[in-house]
């Protein structure tokens, strides 16, 4: 599956952004879709994932602020980010993995990656 992320930008602390990730290829609805982020000088970290049955799995750092959703008819997954903080500044990547990847949060657990979109939160 090929992934294309979009929607990043510059926002003030407390603001919101919505990221999108469009997928091409077959069987999108069977994939577990996830978002990761990588801040300057830091390792890429897991943010959230969603299963084909809309089960979700969030990192503690974003619980209550970020919401993942997917539209299987449009082959797209979304990340609604509210109450953004400067520490949310990072490049955000969407990723995909098969059913065996549910509940996993390692970079190596996801086999397909989008190109990343920059999110910058100013204080």
Protein backbone atom coordinates (compact mmCIF):
# COMPACT_ATOMS: atom_id res chain seq x y z
CA UNK A 1 0.00 0.00 0.00
CA UNK A 2 1.23 3.49 -0.87
CA UNK A 3 0.53 6.31 1.58
CA UNK A 4 0.38 10.08 1.13
CA UNK A 5 0.11 12.31 4.20
CA UNK A 6 -1.08 15.91 4.15
CA UNK A 7 -2.53 18.62 6.36
CA UNK A 8 0.44 19.74 8.40
CA UNK A 9 1.20 23.37 9.11
CA UNK A 10 1.95 26.03 11.67
CA UNK A 11 -0.49 26.56 14.54
CA UNK A 12 -0.43 28.32 17.87
CA UNK A 13 -0.50 26.38 21.11
CA UNK A 14 -4.05 25.38 21.95
CA UNK A 15 -5.03 25.24 18.30
CA UNK A 16 -6.09 22.36 16.09
CA UNK A 17 -5.01 20.64 12.89
CA UNK A 18 -6.34 17.69 10.94
CA UNK A 19 -3.97 15.42 9.10
CA UNK A 20 -5.04 13.14 6.30
CA UNK A 21 -3.41 10.06 4.87
CA UNK A 22 -4.62 8.77 1.53
CA UNK A 23 -3.83 5.18 0.64
CA UNK A 24 -3.63 3.54 -2.74
CA UNK A 25 -3.65 -0.15 -3.34
CA UNK A 26 -5.96 -2.97 -2.55
CA UNK A 27 -7.55 -4.08 0.68
CA UNK A 28 -7.16 -0.78 2.56
CA UNK A 29 -9.91 -1.77 4.96
CA UNK A 30 -7.91 -4.76 6.17
CA UNK A 31 -4.90 -2.72 7.24
CA UNK A 32 -4.17 -1.34 10.65
CA UNK A 33 -3.39 2.32 10.09
CA UNK A 34 -1.21 4.36 12.37
CA UNK A 35 0.43 7.71 12.92
CA UNK A 36 3.94 8.22 14.19
CA UNK A 37 5.91 11.41 14.74
CA UNK A 38 9.53 12.41 14.86
CA UNK A 39 10.76 15.56 16.53
CA UNK A 40 14.19 17.03 15.73
CA UNK A 41 16.93 15.01 17.38
CA UNK A 42 14.53 12.37 18.65
CA UNK A 43 13.52 8.91 17.55
CA UNK A 44 10.31 8.30 15.69
CA UNK A 45 7.54 7.53 18.16
CA UNK A 46 4.12 5.95 18.01
CA UNK A 47 1.09 8.24 18.28
CA UNK A 48 -2.01 6.20 17.52
CA UNK A 49 -3.40 3.36 15.46
CA UNK A 50 -6.83 2.21 14.27
CA UNK A 51 -7.95 -1.24 13.24
CA UNK A 52 -10.28 -2.22 10.45
CA UNK A 53 -13.06 -2.43 13.08
CA UNK A 54 -12.31 1.10 14.35
CA UNK A 55 -10.59 -0.03 17.52
CA UNK A 56 -8.10 2.60 18.55
CA UNK A 57 -4.84 2.58 20.48
CA UNK A 58 -3.34 5.86 21.67
CA UNK A 59 -0.04 6.87 23.15
CA UNK A 60 -0.53 8.33 26.61
CA UNK A 61 0.91 11.66 25.50
CA UNK A 62 -1.98 12.34 23.10
CA UNK A 63 -4.95 10.68 24.81
CA UNK A 64 -7.89 13.03 25.09
CA UNK A 65 -6.41 15.49 22.58
CA UNK A 66 -5.95 13.50 19.36
CA UNK A 67 -8.55 11.43 17.54
CA UNK A 68 -7.91 8.97 14.75
CA UNK A 69 -10.57 7.93 12.29
CA UNK A 70 -10.73 6.16 8.98
CA UNK A 71 -13.00 6.23 5.96
CA UNK A 72 -12.62 2.94 4.17
CA UNK A 73 -14.73 4.12 1.24
CA UNK A 74 -12.20 6.89 0.61
CA UNK A 75 -9.10 4.86 1.55
CA UNK A 76 -8.21 7.62 3.96
CA UNK A 77 -7.26 7.87 7.61
CA UNK A 78 -7.45 11.11 9.58
CA UNK A 79 -5.78 12.48 12.68
CA UNK A 80 -7.66 15.28 14.41
CA UNK A 81 -5.29 17.08 16.76
CA UNK A 82 -6.74 19.45 19.34
CA UNK A 83 -5.21 21.38 22.22
CA UNK A 84 -1.87 21.27 20.50
CA UNK A 85 1.26 21.90 22.52
CA UNK A 86 4.74 23.00 21.43
CA UNK A 87 5.99 19.52 22.28
CA UNK A 88 3.71 18.13 19.57
CA UNK A 89 5.97 19.76 17.00
CA UNK A 90 7.30 17.02 14.73
CA UNK A 91 7.10 15.45 11.34
CA UNK A 92 4.04 13.21 11.34
CA UNK A 93 4.06 9.98 9.36
CA UNK A 94 1.20 7.70 8.53
CA UNK A 95 1.92 3.99 8.41
CA UNK A 96 0.19 0.72 7.69
CA UNK A 97 0.54 -2.84 8.88
CA UNK A 98 -1.35 -6.09 8.66
CA UNK A 99 -3.72 -7.62 11.23
CA UNK A 100 -0.86 -9.16 13.22
CA UNK A 101 0.31 -5.68 14.06
CA UNK A 102 -2.64 -4.76 16.24
CA UNK A 103 -1.58 -3.33 19.59
CA UNK A 104 2.02 -2.92 18.47
CA UNK A 105 3.71 0.43 18.49
CA UNK A 106 7.21 -0.11 17.17
CA UNK A 107 8.46 1.49 13.99
CA UNK A 108 9.50 -1.95 12.76
CA UNK A 109 5.98 -3.27 13.30
CA UNK A 110 4.68 -1.13 10.41
CA UNK A 111 5.78 -1.98 6.91
CA UNK A 112 4.39 0.85 4.80
CA UNK A 113 5.07 4.53 5.35
CA UNK A 114 3.99 7.85 3.94
CA UNK A 115 6.40 10.71 3.29
CA UNK A 116 5.61 12.76 6.41
CA UNK A 117 4.01 16.13 7.00
CA UNK A 118 5.43 18.86 9.23
CA UNK A 119 3.44 20.07 12.24
CA UNK A 120 4.79 23.09 14.08
CA UNK A 121 3.16 24.40 17.24
CA UNK A 122 4.28 27.82 18.41
CA UNK A 123 4.10 28.90 22.03
